[in-house]
Full PDB file with SEQRES, HELIX, SHEET, SSBOND, CRYST1, ORIGX, SCALE, CONECT and MASTER records, all heavy atoms in Angstrom:
SEQRES   1 A   41  ARG LYS ARG MET LEU LEU SER PHE PRO GLN LEU THR ASN          
SEQRES   2 A   41  VAL LYS ALA GLU TYR ALA TRP GLY GLY PHE VAL ASP ILE          
SEQRES   3 A   41  SER MET ASN ARG ALA PRO ASP PHE GLY ARG LEU SER GLU          
SEQRES   4 A   41  ARG THR                                                      
HELIX    1 AA1 LYS A    2  SER A    7  1                                   6    
HELIX    2 AA2 PRO A    9  LEU A   11  5                                   3    
HELIX    3 AA3 LEU A   37  ARG A   40  1                                   4    
CRYST1    1.000    1.000    1.000  90.00  90.00  90.00 P 1           1          
ORIGX1      1.000000  0.000000  0.000000        0.00000                         
ORIGX2      0.000000  1.000000  0.000000        0.00000                         
ORIGX3      0.000000  0.000000  1.000000        0.00000                         
SCALE1      1.000000  0.000000  0.000000        0.00000                         
SCALE2      0.000000  1.000000  0.000000        0.00000                         
SCALE3      0.000000  0.000000  1.000000        0.00000                         
ATOM      1  N   ARG A   1      99.266 124.036 101.983  1.00  0.00           N  
ATOM      2  CA  ARG A   1      98.964 124.812 100.772  1.00  0.00           C  
ATOM      3  C   ARG A   1     100.264 125.278 100.115  1.00  0.00           C  
ATOM      4  O   ARG A   1     100.407 125.232  98.878  1.00  0.00           O  
ATOM      5  CB  ARG A   1      98.092 126.014 101.114  1.00  0.00           C  
ATOM      6  CG  ARG A   1      97.448 126.684  99.886  1.00  0.00           C  
ATOM      7  CD  ARG A   1      96.668 127.925 100.270  1.00  0.00           C  
ATOM      8  NE  ARG A   1      97.580 129.034 100.523  1.00  0.00           N  
ATOM      9  CZ  ARG A   1      98.003 129.871  99.570  1.00  0.00           C  
ATOM     10  NH1 ARG A   1      97.612 129.724  98.314  1.00  0.00           N  
ATOM     11  NH2 ARG A   1      98.821 130.849  99.878  1.00  0.00           N  
ATOM     12  N   LYS A   2     101.236 125.684 100.912  1.00  0.00           N  
ATOM     13  CA  LYS A   2     102.529 126.090 100.354  1.00  0.00           C  
ATOM     14  C   LYS A   2     103.215 124.911  99.681  1.00  0.00           C  
ATOM     15  O   LYS A   2     103.901 125.072  98.666  1.00  0.00           O  
ATOM     16  CB  LYS A   2     103.407 126.675 101.454  1.00  0.00           C  
ATOM     17  CG  LYS A   2     102.940 128.037 101.947  1.00  0.00           C  
ATOM     18  CD  LYS A   2     103.839 128.566 103.052  1.00  0.00           C  
ATOM     19  CE  LYS A   2     103.375 129.948 103.510  1.00  0.00           C  
ATOM     20  NZ  LYS A   2     104.222 130.456 104.633  1.00  0.00           N  
ATOM     21  N   ARG A   3     103.037 123.737 100.243  1.00  0.00           N  
ATOM     22  CA  ARG A   3     103.611 122.543  99.615  1.00  0.00           C  
ATOM     23  C   ARG A   3     102.954 122.292  98.254  1.00  0.00           C  
ATOM     24  O   ARG A   3     103.607 121.921  97.281  1.00  0.00           O  
ATOM     25  CB  ARG A   3     103.425 121.343 100.544  1.00  0.00           C  
ATOM     26  CG  ARG A   3     104.307 120.165 100.225  1.00  0.00           C  
ATOM     27  CD  ARG A   3     104.186 119.080 101.281  1.00  0.00           C  
ATOM     28  NE  ARG A   3     105.124 118.008 101.042  1.00  0.00           N  
ATOM     29  CZ  ARG A   3     106.281 117.863 101.653  1.00  0.00           C  
ATOM     30  NH1 ARG A   3     106.655 118.763 102.547  1.00  0.00           N  
ATOM     31  NH2 ARG A   3     107.079 116.846 101.386  1.00  0.00           N  
ATOM     32  N   MET A   4     101.616 122.490  98.203  1.00  0.00           N  
ATOM     33  CA  MET A   4     100.907 122.338  96.932  1.00  0.00           C  
ATOM     34  C   MET A   4     101.416 123.324  95.892  1.00  0.00           C  
ATOM     35  O   MET A   4     101.545 122.991  94.703  1.00  0.00           O  
ATOM     36  CB  MET A   4      99.406 122.523  97.160  1.00  0.00           C  
ATOM     37  CG  MET A   4      98.559 122.430  95.912  1.00  0.00           C  
ATOM     38  SD  MET A   4      96.781 122.617  96.251  1.00  0.00           S  
ATOM     39  CE  MET A   4      96.705 124.376  96.676  1.00  0.00           C  
ATOM     40  N   LEU A   5     101.752 124.537  96.329  1.00  0.00           N  
ATOM     41  CA  LEU A   5     102.222 125.559  95.383  1.00  0.00           C  
ATOM     42  C   LEU A   5     103.588 125.221  94.802  1.00  0.00           C  
ATOM     43  O   LEU A   5     103.932 125.708  93.715  1.00  0.00           O  
ATOM     44  CB  LEU A   5     102.271 126.921  96.070  1.00  0.00           C  
ATOM     45  CG  LEU A   5     100.923 127.510  96.499  1.00  0.00           C  
ATOM     46  CD1 LEU A   5     101.108 128.871  97.144  1.00  0.00           C  
ATOM     47  CD2 LEU A   5      99.968 127.607  95.314  1.00  0.00           C  
ATOM     48  N   LEU A   6     104.376 124.388  95.478  1.00  0.00           N  
ATOM     49  CA  LEU A   6     105.639 123.945  94.894  1.00  0.00           C  
ATOM     50  C   LEU A   6     105.394 123.154  93.618  1.00  0.00           C  
ATOM     51  O   LEU A   6     106.190 123.197  92.678  1.00  0.00           O  
ATOM     52  CB  LEU A   6     106.411 123.088  95.899  1.00  0.00           C  
ATOM     53  CG  LEU A   6     106.919 123.793  97.162  1.00  0.00           C  
ATOM     54  CD1 LEU A   6     107.574 122.787  98.096  1.00  0.00           C  
ATOM     55  CD2 LEU A   6     107.901 124.902  96.799  1.00  0.00           C  
ATOM     56  N   SER A   7     104.287 122.413  93.600  1.00  0.00           N  
ATOM     57  CA  SER A   7     103.939 121.645  92.401  1.00  0.00           C  
ATOM     58  C   SER A   7     103.101 122.452  91.432  1.00  0.00           C  
ATOM     59  O   SER A   7     103.240 122.313  90.216  1.00  0.00           O  
ATOM     60  CB  SER A   7     103.176 120.370  92.800  1.00  0.00           C  
ATOM     61  OG  SER A   7     103.997 119.495  93.537  1.00  0.00           O  
ATOM     62  N   PHE A   8     102.214 123.315  91.966  1.00  0.00           N  
ATOM     63  CA  PHE A   8     101.295 124.075  91.121  1.00  0.00           C  
ATOM     64  C   PHE A   8     101.313 125.554  91.522  1.00  0.00           C  
ATOM     65  O   PHE A   8     100.406 126.033  92.212  1.00  0.00           O  
ATOM     66  CB  PHE A   8      99.871 123.524  91.246  1.00  0.00           C  
ATOM     67  CG  PHE A   8      99.724 122.092  90.814  1.00  0.00           C  
ATOM     68  CD1 PHE A   8      99.530 121.085  91.748  1.00  0.00           C  
ATOM     69  CD2 PHE A   8      99.784 121.750  89.466  1.00  0.00           C  
ATOM     70  CE1 PHE A   8      99.397 119.771  91.352  1.00  0.00           C  
ATOM     71  CE2 PHE A   8      99.655 120.425  89.055  1.00  0.00           C  
ATOM     72  CZ  PHE A   8      99.464 119.430  90.000  1.00  0.00           C  
ATOM     73  N   PRO A   9     102.343 126.292  91.116  1.00  0.00           N  
ATOM     74  CA  PRO A   9     102.409 127.718  91.483  1.00  0.00           C  
ATOM     75  C   PRO A   9     101.250 128.530  90.926  1.00  0.00           C  
ATOM     76  O   PRO A   9     100.958 129.616  91.446  1.00  0.00           O  
ATOM     77  CB  PRO A   9     103.752 128.164  90.895  1.00  0.00           C  
ATOM     78  CG  PRO A   9     104.103 127.141  89.865  1.00  0.00           C  
ATOM     79  CD  PRO A   9     103.526 125.857  90.344  1.00  0.00           C  
ATOM     80  N   GLN A  10     100.554 128.025  89.908  1.00  0.00           N  
ATOM     81  CA  GLN A  10      99.412 128.735  89.341  1.00  0.00           C  
ATOM     82  C   GLN A  10      98.210 128.758  90.277  1.00  0.00           C  
ATOM     83  O   GLN A  10      97.220 129.436  89.999  1.00  0.00           O  
ATOM     84  CB  GLN A  10      99.014 128.145  87.985  1.00  0.00           C  
ATOM     85  CG  GLN A  10      98.564 126.698  87.990  1.00  0.00           C  
ATOM     86  CD  GLN A  10      99.690 125.708  87.768  1.00  0.00           C  
ATOM     87  OE1 GLN A  10     100.716 125.779  88.446  1.00  0.00           O  
ATOM     88  NE2 GLN A  10      99.514 124.792  86.818  1.00  0.00           N  
ATOM     89  N   LEU A  11      98.297 128.029  91.391  1.00  0.00           N  
ATOM     90  CA  LEU A  11      97.186 128.004  92.350  1.00  0.00           C  
ATOM     91  C   LEU A  11      97.408 128.970  93.506  1.00  0.00           C  
ATOM     92  O   LEU A  11      96.810 128.820  94.576  1.00  0.00           O  
ATOM     93  CB  LEU A  11      97.003 126.577  92.891  1.00  0.00           C  
ATOM     94  CG  LEU A  11      96.714 125.489  91.856  1.00  0.00           C  
ATOM     95  CD1 LEU A  11      96.435 124.160  92.556  1.00  0.00           C  
ATOM     96  CD2 LEU A  11      95.544 125.877  90.967  1.00  0.00           C  
ATOM     97  N   THR A  12      98.220 129.976  93.304  1.00  0.00           N  
ATOM     98  CA  THR A  12      98.576 130.894  94.389  1.00  0.00           C  
ATOM     99  C   THR A  12      97.374 131.578  95.023  1.00  0.00           C  
ATOM    100  O   THR A  12      97.409 131.930  96.206  1.00  0.00           O  
ATOM    101  CB  THR A  12      99.585 131.938  93.883  1.00  0.00           C  
ATOM    102  OG1 THR A  12     100.011 132.749  94.982  1.00  0.00           O  
ATOM    103  CG2 THR A  12      98.978 132.817  92.805  1.00  0.00           C  
ATOM    104  N   ASN A  13      96.305 131.774  94.264  1.00  0.00           N  
ATOM    105  CA  ASN A  13      95.110 132.429  94.803  1.00  0.00           C  
ATOM    106  C   ASN A  13      94.023 131.441  95.229  1.00  0.00           C  
ATOM    107  O   ASN A  13      92.903 131.844  95.547  1.00  0.00           O  
ATOM    108  CB  ASN A  13      94.534 133.403  93.775  1.00  0.00           C  
ATOM    109  CG  ASN A  13      95.478 134.562  93.501  1.00  0.00           C  
ATOM    110  OD1 ASN A  13      96.109 135.078  94.427  1.00  0.00           O  
ATOM    111  ND2 ASN A  13      95.588 134.955  92.236  1.00  0.00           N  
ATOM    112  N   VAL A  14      94.346 130.163  95.229  1.00  0.00           N  
ATOM    113  CA  VAL A  14      93.384 129.131  95.606  1.00  0.00           C  
ATOM    114  C   VAL A  14      93.576 128.770  97.075  1.00  0.00           C  
ATOM    115  O   VAL A  14      94.692 128.449  97.500  1.00  0.00           O  
ATOM    116  CB  VAL A  14      93.548 127.885  94.718  1.00  0.00           C  
ATOM    117  CG1 VAL A  14      92.616 126.769  95.178  1.00  0.00           C  
ATOM    118  CG2 VAL A  14      93.276 128.236  93.256  1.00  0.00           C  
ATOM    119  N   LYS A  15      92.532 128.805  97.839  1.00  0.00           N  
ATOM    120  CA  LYS A  15      92.608 128.545  99.272  1.00  0.00           C  
ATOM    121  C   LYS A  15      92.488 127.048  99.571  1.00  0.00           C  
ATOM    122  O   LYS A  15      91.939 126.286  98.777  1.00  0.00           O  
ATOM    123  CB  LYS A  15      91.493 129.294 100.005  1.00  0.00           C  
ATOM    124  CG  LYS A  15      91.573 130.806  99.872  1.00  0.00           C  
ATOM    125  CD  LYS A  15      90.386 131.460 100.572  1.00  0.00           C  
ATOM    126  CE  LYS A  15      90.426 132.976 100.417  1.00  0.00           C  
ATOM    127  NZ  LYS A  15      89.236 133.616 101.049  1.00  0.00           N  
ATOM    128  N   ALA A  16      92.976 126.666 100.737  1.00  0.00           N  
ATOM    129  CA  ALA A  16      92.760 125.316 101.255  1.00  0.00           C  
ATOM    130  C   ALA A  16      91.518 125.353 102.135  1.00  0.00           C  
ATOM    131  O   ALA A  16      91.515 125.997 103.182  1.00  0.00           O  
ATOM    132  CB  ALA A  16      93.962 124.848 102.053  1.00  0.00           C  
ATOM    133  N   GLU A  17      90.450 124.688 101.702  1.00  0.00           N  
ATOM    134  CA  GLU A  17      89.198 124.718 102.448  1.00  0.00           C  
ATOM    135  C   GLU A  17      89.159 123.671 103.553  1.00  0.00           C  
ATOM    136  O   GLU A  17      88.534 123.884 104.598  1.00  0.00           O  
ATOM    137  CB  GLU A  17      88.022 124.511 101.498  1.00  0.00           C  
ATOM    138  CG  GLU A  17      86.666 124.684 102.164  1.00  0.00           C  
ATOM    139  CD  GLU A  17      85.514 124.681 101.184  1.00  0.00           C  
ATOM    140  OE1 GLU A  17      85.753 124.793  99.952  1.00  0.00           O  
ATOM    141  OE2 GLU A  17      84.358 124.569 101.637  1.00  0.00           O  
ATOM    142  N   TYR A  18      89.810 122.535 103.335  1.00  0.00           N  
ATOM    143  CA  TYR A  18      89.836 121.458 104.325  1.00  0.00           C  
ATOM    144  C   TYR A  18      91.289 121.063 104.595  1.00  0.00           C  
ATOM    145  O   TYR A  18      92.128 121.078 103.689  1.00  0.00           O  
ATOM    146  CB  TYR A  18      89.081 120.225 103.827  1.00  0.00           C  
ATOM    147  CG  TYR A  18      87.607 120.447 103.597  1.00  0.00           C  
ATOM    148  CD1 TYR A  18      87.124 120.822 102.345  1.00  0.00           C  
ATOM    149  CD2 TYR A  18      86.694 120.273 104.629  1.00  0.00           C  
ATOM    150  CE1 TYR A  18      85.768 121.027 102.129  1.00  0.00           C  
ATOM    151  CE2 TYR A  18      85.335 120.472 104.429  1.00  0.00           C  
ATOM    152  CZ  TYR A  18      84.879 120.847 103.172  1.00  0.00           C  
ATOM    153  OH  TYR A  18      83.541 121.045 102.975  1.00  0.00           O  
ATOM    154  N   ALA A  19      91.572 120.699 105.830  1.00  0.00           N  
ATOM    155  CA  ALA A  19      92.897 120.196 106.206  1.00  0.00           C  
ATOM    156  C   ALA A  19      92.720 119.161 107.308  1.00  0.00           C  
ATOM    157  O   ALA A  19      92.064 119.430 108.309  1.00  0.00           O  
ATOM    158  CB  ALA A  19      93.799 121.332 106.673  1.00  0.00           C  
ATOM    159  N   TRP A  20      93.283 117.993 107.114  1.00  0.00           N  
ATOM    160  CA  TRP A  20      93.132 116.908 108.086  1.00  0.00           C  
ATOM    161  C   TRP A  20      94.340 115.991 107.999  1.00  0.00           C  
ATOM    162  O   TRP A  20      95.287 116.250 107.253  1.00  0.00           O  
ATOM    163  CB  TRP A  20      91.824 116.133 107.856  1.00  0.00           C  
ATOM    164  CG  TRP A  20      91.785 115.277 106.630  1.00  0.00           C  
ATOM    165  CD1 TRP A  20      91.969 113.929 106.561  1.00  0.00           C  
ATOM    166  CD2 TRP A  20      91.546 115.711 105.278  1.00  0.00           C  
ATOM    167  NE1 TRP A  20      91.857 113.495 105.254  1.00  0.00           N  
ATOM    168  CE2 TRP A  20      91.596 114.564 104.451  1.00  0.00           C  
ATOM    169  CE3 TRP A  20      91.305 116.957 104.687  1.00  0.00           C  
ATOM    170  CZ2 TRP A  20      91.430 114.635 103.063  1.00  0.00           C  
ATOM    171  CZ3 TRP A  20      91.124 117.030 103.315  1.00  0.00           C  
ATOM    172  CH2 TRP A  20      91.194 115.868 102.524  1.00  0.00           C  
ATOM    173  N   GLY A  21      94.306 114.932 108.746  1.00  0.00           N  
ATOM    174  CA  GLY A  21      95.415 113.987 108.707  1.00  0.00           C  
ATOM    175  C   GLY A  21      95.101 112.765 109.534  1.00  0.00           C  
ATOM    176  O   GLY A  21      93.951 112.511 109.897  1.00  0.00           O  
ATOM    177  N   GLY A  22      96.130 112.019 109.843  1.00  0.00           N  
ATOM    178  CA  GLY A  22      95.962 110.801 110.627  1.00  0.00           C  
ATOM    179  C   GLY A  22      97.265 110.044 110.692  1.00  0.00           C  
ATOM    180  O   GLY A  22      98.299 110.511 110.214  1.00  0.00           O  
ATOM    181  N   PHE A  23      97.208 108.865 111.290  1.00  0.00           N  
ATOM    182  CA  PHE A  23      98.410 108.076 111.520  1.00  0.00           C  
ATOM    183  C   PHE A  23      98.366 106.771 110.744  1.00  0.00           C  
ATOM    184  O   PHE A  23      97.366 106.054 110.767  1.00  0.00           O  
ATOM    185  CB  PHE A  23      98.569 107.786 113.012  1.00  0.00           C  
ATOM    186  CG  PHE A  23      98.846 109.023 113.807  1.00  0.00           C  
ATOM    187  CD1 PHE A  23      97.820 109.686 114.464  1.00  0.00           C  
ATOM    188  CD2 PHE A  23     100.116 109.549 113.863  1.00  0.00           C  
ATOM    189  CE1 PHE A  23      98.064 110.839 115.186  1.00  0.00           C  
ATOM    190  CE2 PHE A  23     100.382 110.712 114.579  1.00  0.00           C  
ATOM    191  CZ  PHE A  23      99.351 111.358 115.243  1.00  0.00           C  
ATOM    192  N   VAL A  24      99.451 106.515 110.029  1.00  0.00           N  
ATOM    193  CA  VAL A  24      99.616 105.239 109.339  1.00  0.00           C  
ATOM    194  C   VAL A  24     100.581 104.384 110.155  1.00  0.00           C  
ATOM    195  O   VAL A  24     101.374 104.893 110.954  1.00  0.00           O  
ATOM    196  CB  VAL A  24     100.145 105.421 107.904  1.00  0.00           C  
ATOM    197  CG1 VAL A  24      99.138 106.176 107.061  1.00  0.00           C  
ATOM    198  CG2 VAL A  24     101.481 106.155 107.891  1.00  0.00           C  
ATOM    199  N   ASP A  25     100.507 103.089 109.948  1.00  0.00           N  
ATOM    200  CA  ASP A  25     101.280 102.124 110.736  1.00  0.00           C  
ATOM    201  C   ASP A  25     102.446 101.610 109.904  1.00  0.00           C  
ATOM    202  O   ASP A  25     102.306 100.663 109.151  1.00  0.00           O  
ATOM    203  CB  ASP A  25     100.382 100.977 111.184  1.00  0.00           C  
ATOM    204  CG  ASP A  25      99.623 100.334 110.030  1.00  0.00           C  
ATOM    205  OD1 ASP A  25      99.300 101.052 109.060  1.00  0.00           O  
ATOM    206  OD2 ASP A  25      99.342  99.123 110.082  1.00  0.00           O  
ATOM    207  N   ILE A  26     103.594 102.224 110.021  1.00  0.00           N  
ATOM    208  CA  ILE A  26     104.721 101.788 109.197  1.00  0.00           C  
ATOM    209  C   ILE A  26     105.522 100.712 109.919  1.00  0.00           C  
ATOM    210  O   ILE A  26     105.668 100.732 111.138  1.00  0.00           O  
ATOM    211  CB  ILE A  26     105.642 102.951 108.785  1.00  0.00           C  
ATOM    212  CG1 ILE A  26     106.410 103.505 109.982  1.00  0.00           C  
ATOM    213  CG2 ILE A  26     104.873 104.029 108.065  1.00  0.00           C  
ATOM    214  CD1 ILE A  26     107.571 104.383 109.587  1.00  0.00           C  
ATOM    215  N   SER A  27     106.011  99.757 109.158  1.00  0.00           N  
ATOM    216  CA  SER A  27     106.942  98.759 109.683  1.00  0.00           C  
ATOM    217  C   SER A  27     108.360  99.208 109.325  1.00  0.00           C  
ATOM    218  O   SER A  27     108.555 100.100 108.488  1.00  0.00           O  
ATOM    219  CB  SER A  27     106.643  97.385 109.078  1.00  0.00           C  
ATOM    220  OG  SER A  27     106.831  97.409 107.670  1.00  0.00           O  
ATOM    221  N   MET A  28     109.349  98.589 109.935  1.00  0.00           N  
ATOM    222  CA  MET A  28     110.732  99.009 109.723  1.00  0.00           C  
ATOM    223  C   MET A  28     111.127  98.924 108.248  1.00  0.00           C  
ATOM    224  O   MET A  28     111.785  99.817 107.712  1.00  0.00           O  
ATOM    225  CB  MET A  28     111.674  98.157 110.571  1.00  0.00           C  
ATOM    226  CG  MET A  28     113.136  98.495 110.408  1.00  0.00           C  
ATOM    227  SD  MET A  28     113.578 100.078 111.108  1.00  0.00           S  
ATOM    228  CE  MET A  28     113.988  99.562 112.762  1.00  0.00           C  
ATOM    229  N   ASN A  29     110.727  97.853 107.571  1.00  0.00           N  
ATOM    230  CA  ASN A  29     111.085  97.696 106.158  1.00  0.00           C  
ATOM    231  C   ASN A  29     109.953  98.097 105.215  1.00  0.00           C  
ATOM    232  O   ASN A  29     110.056  97.913 104.010  1.00  0.00           O  
ATOM    233  CB  ASN A  29     111.513  96.253 105.869  1.00  0.00           C  
ATOM    234  CG  ASN A  29     110.418  95.246 106.166  1.00  0.00           C  
ATOM    235  OD1 ASN A  29     109.281  95.609 106.437  1.00  0.00           O  
ATOM    236  ND2 ASN A  29     110.762  93.959 106.116  1.00  0.00           N  
ATOM    237  N   ARG A  30     108.859  98.630 105.791  1.00  0.00           N  
ATOM    238  CA  ARG A  30     107.687  99.103 105.044  1.00  0.00           C  
ATOM    239  C   ARG A  30     106.938  97.982 104.321  1.00  0.00           C  
ATOM    240  O   ARG A  30     106.100  98.248 103.447  1.00  0.00           O  
ATOM    241  CB  ARG A  30     108.066 100.227 104.069  1.00  0.00           C  
ATOM    242  CG  ARG A  30     108.626 101.446 104.782  1.00  0.00           C  
ATOM    243  CD  ARG A  30     108.465 102.711 104.005  1.00  0.00           C  
ATOM    244  NE  ARG A  30     108.834 103.877 104.807  1.00  0.00           N  
ATOM    245  CZ  ARG A  30     108.516 105.124 104.519  1.00  0.00           C  
ATOM    246  NH1 ARG A  30     107.808 105.375 103.441  1.00  0.00           N  
ATOM    247  NH2 ARG A  30     108.891 106.115 105.285  1.00  0.00           N  
ATOM    248  N   ALA A  31     107.218  96.761 104.653  1.00  0.00           N  
ATOM    249  CA  ALA A  31     106.437  95.628 104.149  1.00  0.00           C  
ATOM    250  C   ALA A  31     105.323  95.331 105.148  1.00  0.00           C  
ATOM    251  O   ALA A  31     105.457  95.603 106.346  1.00  0.00           O  
ATOM    252  CB  ALA A  31     107.331  94.406 103.970  1.00  0.00           C  
ATOM    253  N   PRO A  32     104.203  94.767 104.693  1.00  0.00           N  
ATOM    254  CA  PRO A  32     103.104  94.456 105.614  1.00  0.00           C  
ATOM    255  C   PRO A  32     103.491  93.373 106.605  1.00  0.00           C  
ATOM    256  O   PRO A  32     104.281  92.480 106.302  1.00  0.00           O  
ATOM    257  CB  PRO A  32     101.981  94.008 104.679  1.00  0.00           C  
ATOM    258  CG  PRO A  32     102.669  93.545 103.436  1.00  0.00           C  
ATOM    259  CD  PRO A  32     103.878  94.412 103.298  1.00  0.00           C  
ATOM    260  N   ASP A  33     102.905  93.465 107.795  1.00  0.00           N  
ATOM    261  CA  ASP A  33     103.203  92.538 108.886  1.00  0.00           C  
ATOM    262  C   ASP A  33     101.912  91.803 109.249  1.00  0.00           C  
ATOM    263  O   ASP A  33     101.068  92.332 109.961  1.00  0.00           O  
ATOM    264  CB  ASP A  33     103.744  93.322 110.085  1.00  0.00           C  
ATOM    265  CG  ASP A  33     104.093  92.434 111.274  1.00  0.00           C  
ATOM    266  OD1 ASP A  33     104.239  91.214 111.069  1.00  0.00           O  
ATOM    267  OD2 ASP A  33     104.213  92.959 112.391  1.00  0.00           O  
ATOM    268  N   PHE A  34     101.759  90.577 108.738  1.00  0.00           N  
ATOM    269  CA  PHE A  34     100.597  89.744 109.025  1.00  0.00           C  
ATOM    270  C   PHE A  34     101.082  88.512 109.791  1.00  0.00           C  
ATOM    271  O   PHE A  34     102.169  88.005 109.536  1.00  0.00           O  
ATOM    272  CB  PHE A  34      99.908  89.245 107.745  1.00  0.00           C  
ATOM    273  CG  PHE A  34      99.496  90.315 106.771  1.00  0.00           C  
ATOM    274  CD1 PHE A  34      99.179  89.970 105.462  1.00  0.00           C  
ATOM    275  CD2 PHE A  34      99.412  91.655 107.128  1.00  0.00           C  
ATOM    276  CE1 PHE A  34      98.789  90.932 104.543  1.00  0.00           C  
ATOM    277  CE2 PHE A  34      99.028  92.625 106.224  1.00  0.00           C  
ATOM    278  CZ  PHE A  34      98.726  92.265 104.921  1.00  0.00           C  
ATOM    279  N   GLY A  35     100.264  88.002 110.689  1.00  0.00           N  
ATOM    280  CA  GLY A  35     100.663  86.789 111.388  1.00  0.00           C  
ATOM    281  C   GLY A  35      99.679  86.380 112.457  1.00  0.00           C  
ATOM    282  O   GLY A  35      98.550  86.863 112.522  1.00  0.00           O  
ATOM    283  N   ARG A  36     100.134  85.462 113.300  1.00  0.00           N  
ATOM    284  CA  ARG A  36      99.377  84.996 114.454  1.00  0.00           C  
ATOM    285  C   ARG A  36     100.057  85.510 115.705  1.00  0.00           C  
ATOM    286  O   ARG A  36     101.296  85.543 115.774  1.00  0.00           O  
ATOM    287  CB  ARG A  36      99.316  83.461 114.464  1.00  0.00           C  
ATOM    288  CG  ARG A  36      98.626  82.865 113.239  1.00  0.00           C  
ATOM    289  CD  ARG A  36      98.960  81.399 113.089  1.00  0.00           C  
ATOM    290  NE  ARG A  36      98.342  80.822 111.895  1.00  0.00           N  
ATOM    291  CZ  ARG A  36      98.852  80.933 110.665  1.00  0.00           C  
ATOM    292  NH1 ARG A  36      99.976  81.614 110.463  1.00  0.00           N  
ATOM    293  NH2 ARG A  36      98.232  80.379 109.642  1.00  0.00           N  
ATOM    294  N   LEU A  37      99.290  85.888 116.686  1.00  0.00           N  
ATOM    295  CA  LEU A  37      99.884  86.463 117.888  1.00  0.00           C  
ATOM    296  C   LEU A  37     100.823  85.480 118.569  1.00  0.00           C  
ATOM    297  O   LEU A  37     101.809  85.883 119.204  1.00  0.00           O  
ATOM    298  CB  LEU A  37      98.772  86.905 118.845  1.00  0.00           C  
ATOM    299  CG  LEU A  37      99.195  87.781 120.031  1.00  0.00           C  
ATOM    300  CD1 LEU A  37      99.848  89.071 119.551  1.00  0.00           C  
ATOM    301  CD2 LEU A  37      98.015  88.083 120.932  1.00  0.00           C  
ATOM    302  N   SER A  38     100.553  84.181 118.445  1.00  0.00           N  
ATOM    303  CA  SER A  38     101.428  83.174 119.057  1.00  0.00           C  
ATOM    304  C   SER A  38     102.848  83.253 118.520  1.00  0.00           C  
ATOM    305  O   SER A  38     103.806  82.916 119.224  1.00  0.00           O  
ATOM    306  CB  SER A  38     100.863  81.768 118.814  1.00  0.00           C  
ATOM    307  OG  SER A  38     100.713  81.519 117.420  1.00  0.00           O  
ATOM    308  N   GLU A  39     103.002  83.697 117.272  1.00  0.00           N  
ATOM    309  CA  GLU A  39     104.336  83.830 116.680  1.00  0.00           C  
ATOM    310  C   GLU A  39     105.129  84.956 117.343  1.00  0.00           C  
ATOM    311  O   GLU A  39     106.354  84.969 117.290  1.00  0.00           O  
ATOM    312  CB  GLU A  39     104.203  84.089 115.182  1.00  0.00           C  
ATOM    313  CG  GLU A  39     103.571  82.939 114.415  1.00  0.00           C  
ATOM    314  CD  GLU A  39     103.068  83.335 113.036  1.00  0.00           C  
ATOM    315  OE1 GLU A  39     102.998  84.556 112.754  1.00  0.00           O  
ATOM    316  OE2 GLU A  39     102.730  82.434 112.252  1.00  0.00           O  
ATOM    317  N   ARG A  40     104.444  85.863 117.971  1.00  0.00           N  
ATOM    318  CA  ARG A  40     105.099  86.989 118.649  1.00  0.00           C  
ATOM    319  C   ARG A  40     105.273  86.733 120.143  1.00  0.00           C  
ATOM    320  O   ARG A  40     106.221  87.207 120.749  1.00  0.00           O  
ATOM    321  CB  ARG A  40     104.301  88.272 118.441  1.00  0.00           C  
ATOM    322  CG  ARG A  40     103.924  88.573 116.977  1.00  0.00           C  
ATOM    323  CD  ARG A  40     105.094  89.183 116.197  1.00  0.00           C  
ATOM    324  NE  ARG A  40     106.140  88.263 115.841  1.00  0.00           N  
ATOM    325  CZ  ARG A  40     106.139  87.495 114.753  1.00  0.00           C  
ATOM    326  NH1 ARG A  40     105.117  87.514 113.923  1.00  0.00           N  
ATOM    327  NH2 ARG A  40     107.159  86.700 114.500  1.00  0.00           N  
ATOM    328  N   THR A  41     104.339  85.999 120.747  1.00  0.00           N  
ATOM    329  CA  THR A  41     104.403  85.773 122.193  1.00  0.00           C  
ATOM    330  C   THR A  41     105.012  84.436 122.559  1.00  0.00           C  
ATOM    331  O   THR A  41     105.446  84.236 123.699  1.00  0.00           O  
ATOM    332  CB  THR A  41     102.989  85.833 122.802  1.00  0.00           C  
ATOM    333  OG1 THR A  41     102.208  84.728 122.315  1.00  0.00           O  
ATOM    334  CG2 THR A  41     102.301  87.143 122.470  1.00  0.00           C  
TER     335      THR A  41                                                      
MASTER        0    0    0    3    0    0    0    6  334    1    0    4          
END                                                                             
């Protein structure tokens, strides 16, 4: 919520009702990694 207020200080009285997250799968160069398992093994 504090991060949101950096962009929108006018929301100082607005509460965060939901908060969640998760994990994304980043590659070293951030390009997608598609292939066949045989290419790796």
